Amino acid sequence: MSETSFNISVLASGSTGNSLYIETDKRKVLVDAGLSGKKITSLLSSIDRSPEDLDAILVTHEHRDHIHGVGVLARKYHLDIYANELTWQAMEKSIGNVPVEQRNIFDMGKIMTFGDMDIESFGVSHDAIAPQFYRFYKDNKSFVVLTDTGYCSEQVKGVIKNADAYLLESNHDPNMLRMGRYPWNTKQRILGDKGHLSNEDGALAATEIIGDRTKHIYLGHLSKENNMKELANMTVTGILQQHNIDAGGQVKIMDTDPDKACDLFAI
């Protein structure tokens, strides 16, 4: 058994596009491809990886900032695409033709064995047809991707508890959002139960899911208009410390970027 179970990079995270790279000894996978194929290729190159090495793309939901490059990459590199059936129906016109042998159904609430890892899907509350995110398992280690949800239900908290690392949504500061230039209906959507987690909401969810294994939390899907990295990090760190969680010590709070890949990290 290798000491490292996963190597992971948040390639891009934000309102303009999202993609995460995760690899094991036997598999290399993207979660979402919400930027152009050219941009994702460039981001992979920045961590010394190539789209030719990829085995698959897991899709969370059909919004453009998660699927923009899916079709192009699937066709060019003959990649398997995994999504639940309703998401396939919702995104088909947007991603164009994908050969039938590359189209795979990954039902919500199921666990799929993929090479040398297991992947568990779970549903979230977001204004998409059937949004789902993923927990990856290998060698008694695990990693969770959770963005694009209006709240974190007790059921979801149970599924994602005590992972080694997380990509967790920290989308907006509520005051910045309320004072900002978005139309009121857009503000209501973001603040609602099918919108996005605020800095505070993400932090409070984190206090209930962090366990003795947890070492890293990457703050994801920050709004360019309604948040700042420093504010998100400060808010989450403060709330964790209020709950007697050693943020910066036991648990490191990490930033992500909308157009620059994070360094590969191992768990």
Protein backbone atom coordinates (compact mmCIF):
# COMPACT_ATOMS: atom_id res chain seq x y z
CA MET A 1 0.00 0.00 0.00
CA SER A 2 1.41 3.37 -0.94
CA GLU A 3 1.68 6.00 1.78
CA THR A 4 -0.20 8.51 -0.39
CA SER A 5 -3.77 7.55 -1.26
CA PHE A 6 -4.73 10.62 -3.29
CA ASN A 7 -3.05 13.55 -5.02
CA ILE A 8 -5.47 16.44 -5.45
CA SER A 9 -5.52 19.91 -6.99
CA VAL A 10 -8.37 22.40 -7.06
CA LEU A 11 -7.77 23.52 -10.66
CA ALA A 12 -10.33 26.33 -10.48
CA SER A 13 -13.10 27.26 -8.08
CA GLY A 14 -15.47 30.20 -8.33
CA SER A 15 -18.52 31.62 -10.06
CA THR A 16 -16.72 31.68 -13.43
CA GLY A 17 -15.76 28.01 -13.56
CA ASN A 18 -15.03 24.95 -11.44
CA SER A 19 -12.84 21.89 -11.86
CA LEU A 20 -10.99 19.61 -9.46
CA TYR A 21 -8.31 17.01 -10.26
CA ILE A 22 -7.91 13.86 -8.16
CA GLU A 23 -5.60 10.91 -8.80
CA THR A 24 -4.70 7.57 -7.28
CA ASP A 25 -2.09 5.06 -8.42
CA LYS A 26 -4.58 3.71 -10.98
CA ARG A 27 -7.06 6.48 -11.84
CA LYS A 28 -7.02 10.16 -12.78
CA VAL A 29 -10.34 12.00 -12.60
CA LEU A 30 -11.82 15.47 -12.90
CA VAL A 31 -14.82 16.58 -10.87
CA ASP A 32 -16.54 19.00 -13.26
CA ALA A 33 -15.01 20.83 -16.19
CA GLY A 34 -16.55 24.27 -15.99
CA LEU A 35 -13.97 26.13 -18.07
CA SER A 36 -12.92 25.81 -21.70
CA GLY A 37 -11.03 22.70 -22.73
CA LYS A 38 -8.05 24.91 -23.53
CA LYS A 39 -8.08 26.52 -20.05
CA ILE A 40 -8.40 23.17 -18.27
CA THR A 41 -5.50 21.80 -20.33
CA SER A 42 -3.43 24.81 -19.25
CA LEU A 43 -4.38 24.36 -15.59
CA LEU A 44 -3.46 20.67 -15.72
CA SER A 45 -0.14 21.56 -17.34
CA SER A 46 0.60 23.94 -14.44
CA ILE A 47 0.59 20.91 -12.07
CA ASP A 48 2.51 18.73 -14.57
CA ARG A 49 -0.52 16.74 -15.64
CA SER A 50 -2.17 16.26 -19.04
CA PRO A 51 -5.74 15.64 -20.23
CA GLU A 52 -4.41 12.61 -22.14
CA ASP A 53 -3.84 10.97 -18.74
CA LEU A 54 -7.44 11.41 -17.56
CA ASP A 55 -9.81 8.47 -17.21
CA ALA A 56 -13.10 10.25 -16.52
CA ILE A 57 -15.05 13.38 -15.58
CA LEU A 58 -17.62 13.26 -12.78
CA VAL A 59 -20.31 15.91 -13.23
CA THR A 60 -22.07 17.43 -10.22
CA HIS A 61 -24.83 19.36 -12.03
CA GLU A 62 -25.66 21.02 -15.32
CA HIS A 63 -24.80 24.68 -14.64
CA ARG A 64 -22.37 26.13 -17.16
CA ASP A 65 -19.66 26.89 -14.61
CA HIS A 66 -19.43 23.12 -14.03
CA ILE A 67 -19.87 21.66 -17.54
CA HIS A 68 -18.48 24.20 -20.04
CA GLY A 69 -15.56 21.99 -21.14
CA VAL A 70 -17.09 18.55 -20.57
CA GLY A 71 -18.14 17.82 -24.14
CA VAL A 72 -14.94 19.09 -25.75
CA LEU A 73 -12.70 17.11 -23.41
CA ALA A 74 -14.84 13.97 -23.71
CA ARG A 75 -14.66 13.99 -27.50
CA LYS A 76 -11.00 14.99 -27.84
CA TYR A 77 -9.60 12.61 -25.24
CA HIS A 78 -12.24 9.83 -25.32
CA LEU A 79 -13.10 10.32 -21.66
CA ASP A 80 -15.85 8.54 -19.77
CA ILE A 81 -18.41 10.98 -18.35
CA TYR A 82 -20.39 10.15 -15.20
CA ALA A 83 -23.56 11.94 -14.08
CA ASN A 84 -26.98 10.93 -12.83
CA GLU A 85 -29.73 10.43 -15.37
CA LEU A 86 -31.56 13.72 -14.80
CA THR A 87 -28.32 15.68 -15.05
CA TRP A 88 -27.53 13.94 -18.35
CA GLN A 89 -30.91 15.02 -19.68
CA ALA A 90 -30.39 18.60 -18.49
CA MET A 91 -26.88 19.01 -19.90
CA GLU A 92 -27.12 17.11 -23.21
CA LYS A 93 -27.82 20.13 -25.39
CA SER A 94 -25.10 22.18 -23.71
CA ILE A 95 -22.25 19.68 -24.04
CA GLY A 96 -23.05 18.36 -27.52
CA ASN A 97 -22.74 14.80 -28.72
CA VAL A 98 -20.89 12.37 -26.46
CA PRO A 99 -20.50 8.81 -27.84
CA VAL A 100 -22.83 6.39 -26.11
CA GLU A 101 -19.97 4.20 -24.86
CA GLN A 102 -18.57 7.20 -22.94
CA ARG A 103 -21.88 8.05 -21.24
CA ASN A 104 -22.22 6.56 -17.76
CA ILE A 105 -24.98 6.85 -15.17
CA PHE A 106 -23.89 7.47 -11.58
CA ASP A 107 -27.06 7.39 -9.51
CA MET A 108 -27.47 9.67 -6.51
CA GLY A 109 -26.82 8.06 -3.15
CA LYS A 110 -24.75 5.22 -4.60
CA ILE A 111 -21.15 4.05 -4.18
CA MET A 112 -19.16 3.20 -7.30
CA THR A 113 -15.85 1.34 -7.35
CA PHE A 114 -13.57 3.04 -9.86
CA GLY A 115 -10.22 1.33 -10.21
CA ASP A 116 -8.54 1.43 -6.80
CA MET A 117 -10.96 3.86 -5.14
CA ASP A 118 -14.60 4.00 -4.10
CA ILE A 119 -16.70 7.09 -4.85
CA GLU A 120 -19.92 7.91 -2.98
CA SER A 121 -22.44 10.34 -4.45
CA PHE A 122 -24.86 12.39 -2.35
CA GLY A 123 -27.60 14.87 -3.20
CA VAL A 124 -27.55 18.54 -2.21
CA SER A 125 -29.97 21.48 -2.22
CA HIS A 126 -29.27 23.68 -5.24
CA ASP A 127 -31.29 25.14 -8.11
CA ALA A 128 -30.30 22.43 -10.58
CA ILE A 129 -32.27 19.38 -11.72
CA ALA A 130 -30.55 16.77 -9.51
CA PRO A 131 -27.29 18.13 -8.06
CA GLN A 132 -24.93 15.68 -6.40
CA PHE A 133 -21.41 15.80 -5.01
CA TYR A 134 -18.85 13.16 -4.10
CA ARG A 135 -16.76 11.55 -1.37
CA PHE A 136 -13.67 9.61 -2.48
CA TYR A 137 -12.30 6.66 -0.45
CA LYS A 138 -9.01 4.74 -0.66
CA ASP A 139 -6.77 3.02 1.91
CA ASN A 140 -8.87 4.29 4.83
CA LYS A 141 -8.42 7.90 3.59
CA SER A 142 -11.16 10.09 2.14
CA PHE A 143 -11.74 13.42 0.42
CA VAL A 144 -15.04 15.32 0.02
CA VAL A 145 -16.17 17.81 -2.63
CA LEU A 146 -19.14 19.96 -1.52
CA THR A 147 -20.02 23.27 -3.17
CA ASP A 148 -23.23 24.65 -4.69
CA THR A 149 -25.69 23.97 -1.91
CA GLY A 150 -28.04 26.32 -0.08
CA TYR A 151 -27.65 24.44 3.18
CA CYS A 152 -25.96 21.34 4.55
CA SER A 153 -28.58 18.86 5.71
CA GLU A 154 -28.15 16.45 8.60
CA GLN A 155 -28.13 13.61 6.08
CA VAL A 156 -25.30 15.20 4.09
CA LYS A 157 -23.33 15.92 7.27
CA GLY A 158 -23.60 12.22 8.11
CA VAL A 159 -22.28 11.18 4.70
CA ILE A 160 -19.30 13.56 4.72
CA LYS A 161 -18.23 13.49 8.37
CA ASN A 162 -14.55 13.15 9.37
CA ALA A 163 -12.87 13.16 5.96
CA ASP A 164 -9.13 13.80 5.71
CA ALA A 165 -9.71 16.89 3.55
CA TYR A 166 -12.57 18.91 2.07
CA LEU A 167 -13.32 21.30 -0.73
CA LEU A 168 -16.12 23.19 1.01
CA GLU A 169 -18.23 26.05 -0.28
CA SER A 170 -17.61 29.54 1.10
CA ASN A 171 -19.47 31.47 -1.58
CA HIS A 172 -20.34 34.90 -0.20
CA ASP A 173 -20.39 37.34 2.65
CA PRO A 174 -24.10 38.09 3.26
CA ASN A 175 -23.51 41.80 3.88
CA MET A 176 -21.47 42.21 0.70
CA LEU A 177 -24.16 40.36 -1.22
CA ARG A 178 -27.02 42.46 0.19
CA MET A 179 -25.16 45.71 -0.49
CA GLY A 180 -23.90 44.65 -3.91
CA ARG A 181 -25.16 45.35 -7.41
CA TYR A 182 -26.94 42.03 -8.10
CA PRO A 183 -30.70 42.26 -8.79
CA TRP A 184 -32.84 41.46 -5.77
CA ASN A 185 -34.15 38.19 -7.25
CA THR A 186 -30.56 36.99 -7.79
CA LYS A 187 -29.68 37.89 -4.20
CA GLN A 188 -32.71 35.96 -2.98
CA ARG A 189 -31.67 32.93 -5.04
CA ILE A 190 -28.12 32.93 -3.64
CA LEU A 191 -29.31 33.40 -0.05
CA GLY A 192 -32.07 30.80 -0.36
CA ASP A 193 -32.16 27.10 0.49
CA LYS A 194 -31.26 26.22 -3.12
CA GLY A 195 -28.49 28.79 -3.45
CA HIS A 196 -24.97 28.83 -2.03
CA LEU A 197 -23.35 28.53 1.40
CA SER A 198 -22.12 31.80 2.88
CA ASN A 199 -18.81 32.03 4.71
CA GLU A 200 -20.65 31.61 8.01
CA ASP A 201 -22.85 28.74 6.79
CA GLY A 202 -19.87 26.85 5.44
CA ALA A 203 -17.95 27.38 8.66
CA LEU A 204 -20.83 26.23 10.85
CA ALA A 205 -21.25 23.11 8.72
CA ALA A 206 -17.51 22.50 9.06
CA THR A 207 -17.77 22.56 12.87
CA GLU A 208 -20.12 19.57 12.66
CA ILE A 209 -18.21 17.48 10.12
CA ILE A 210 -14.57 17.99 11.14
CA GLY A 211 -13.18 14.94 12.91
CA ASP A 212 -9.87 13.72 14.24
CA ARG A 213 -8.78 12.77 10.70
CA THR A 214 -9.46 16.19 9.19
CA LYS A 215 -6.35 18.15 8.25
CA HIS A 216 -7.29 20.49 5.37
CA ILE A 217 -10.33 22.51 4.33
CA TYR A 218 -10.15 24.26 0.96
CA LEU A 219 -12.62 27.15 0.71
CA GLY A 220 -14.33 26.94 -2.66
CA HIS A 221 -16.69 28.68 -5.08
CA LEU A 222 -15.98 32.19 -3.76
CA SER A 223 -17.99 34.90 -5.50
CA LYS A 224 -15.84 37.52 -7.24
CA GLU A 225 -18.52 40.12 -6.55
CA ASN A 226 -19.58 39.24 -3.02
CA ASN A 227 -16.56 37.83 -1.21
CA MET A 228 -12.81 38.10 -0.69
CA LYS A 229 -10.32 35.34 0.10
CA GLU A 230 -9.10 37.13 3.22
CA LEU A 231 -12.63 37.65 4.51
CA ALA A 232 -13.68 34.04 3.86
CA ASN A 233 -10.57 32.67 5.52
CA MET A 234 -10.88 34.99 8.52
CA THR A 235 -14.58 34.22 9.00
CA VAL A 236 -14.17 30.45 8.78
CA THR A 237 -11.08 30.46 11.01
CA GLY A 238 -12.85 32.58 13.62
CA ILE A 239 -15.95 30.39 13.77
CA LEU A 240 -13.92 27.19 14.01
CA GLN A 241 -11.87 28.66 16.85
CA GLN A 242 -15.08 29.67 18.64
CA HIS A 243 -16.01 25.97 18.51
CA ASN A 244 -12.63 24.94 19.95
CA ILE A 245 -11.29 23.66 16.63
CA ASP A 246 -7.62 24.47 16.10
CA ALA A 247 -7.85 26.27 12.75
CA GLY A 248 -4.35 26.84 11.47
CA GLY A 249 -3.05 24.04 13.65
CA GLN A 250 -4.85 20.70 13.48
CA VAL A 251 -6.98 21.93 10.56
CA LYS A 252 -5.43 24.16 7.91
CA ILE A 253 -7.78 26.53 6.06
CA MET A 254 -6.68 26.81 2.43
CA ASP A 255 -7.64 29.28 -0.31
CA THR A 256 -8.63 28.41 -3.88
CA ASP A 257 -8.58 30.54 -7.02
CA PRO A 258 -10.96 31.00 -9.98
CA ASP A 259 -8.22 30.72 -12.61
CA LYS A 260 -5.08 29.33 -10.98
CA ALA A 261 -4.57 25.72 -9.89
CA CYS A 262 -3.70 24.93 -6.30
CA ASP A 263 -0.49 22.98 -5.79
CA LEU A 264 -1.00 19.23 -5.72
CA PHE A 265 -1.49 18.00 -2.17
CA ALA A 266 -1.35 14.42 -0.91
CA ILE A 267 -3.60 12.62 1.53
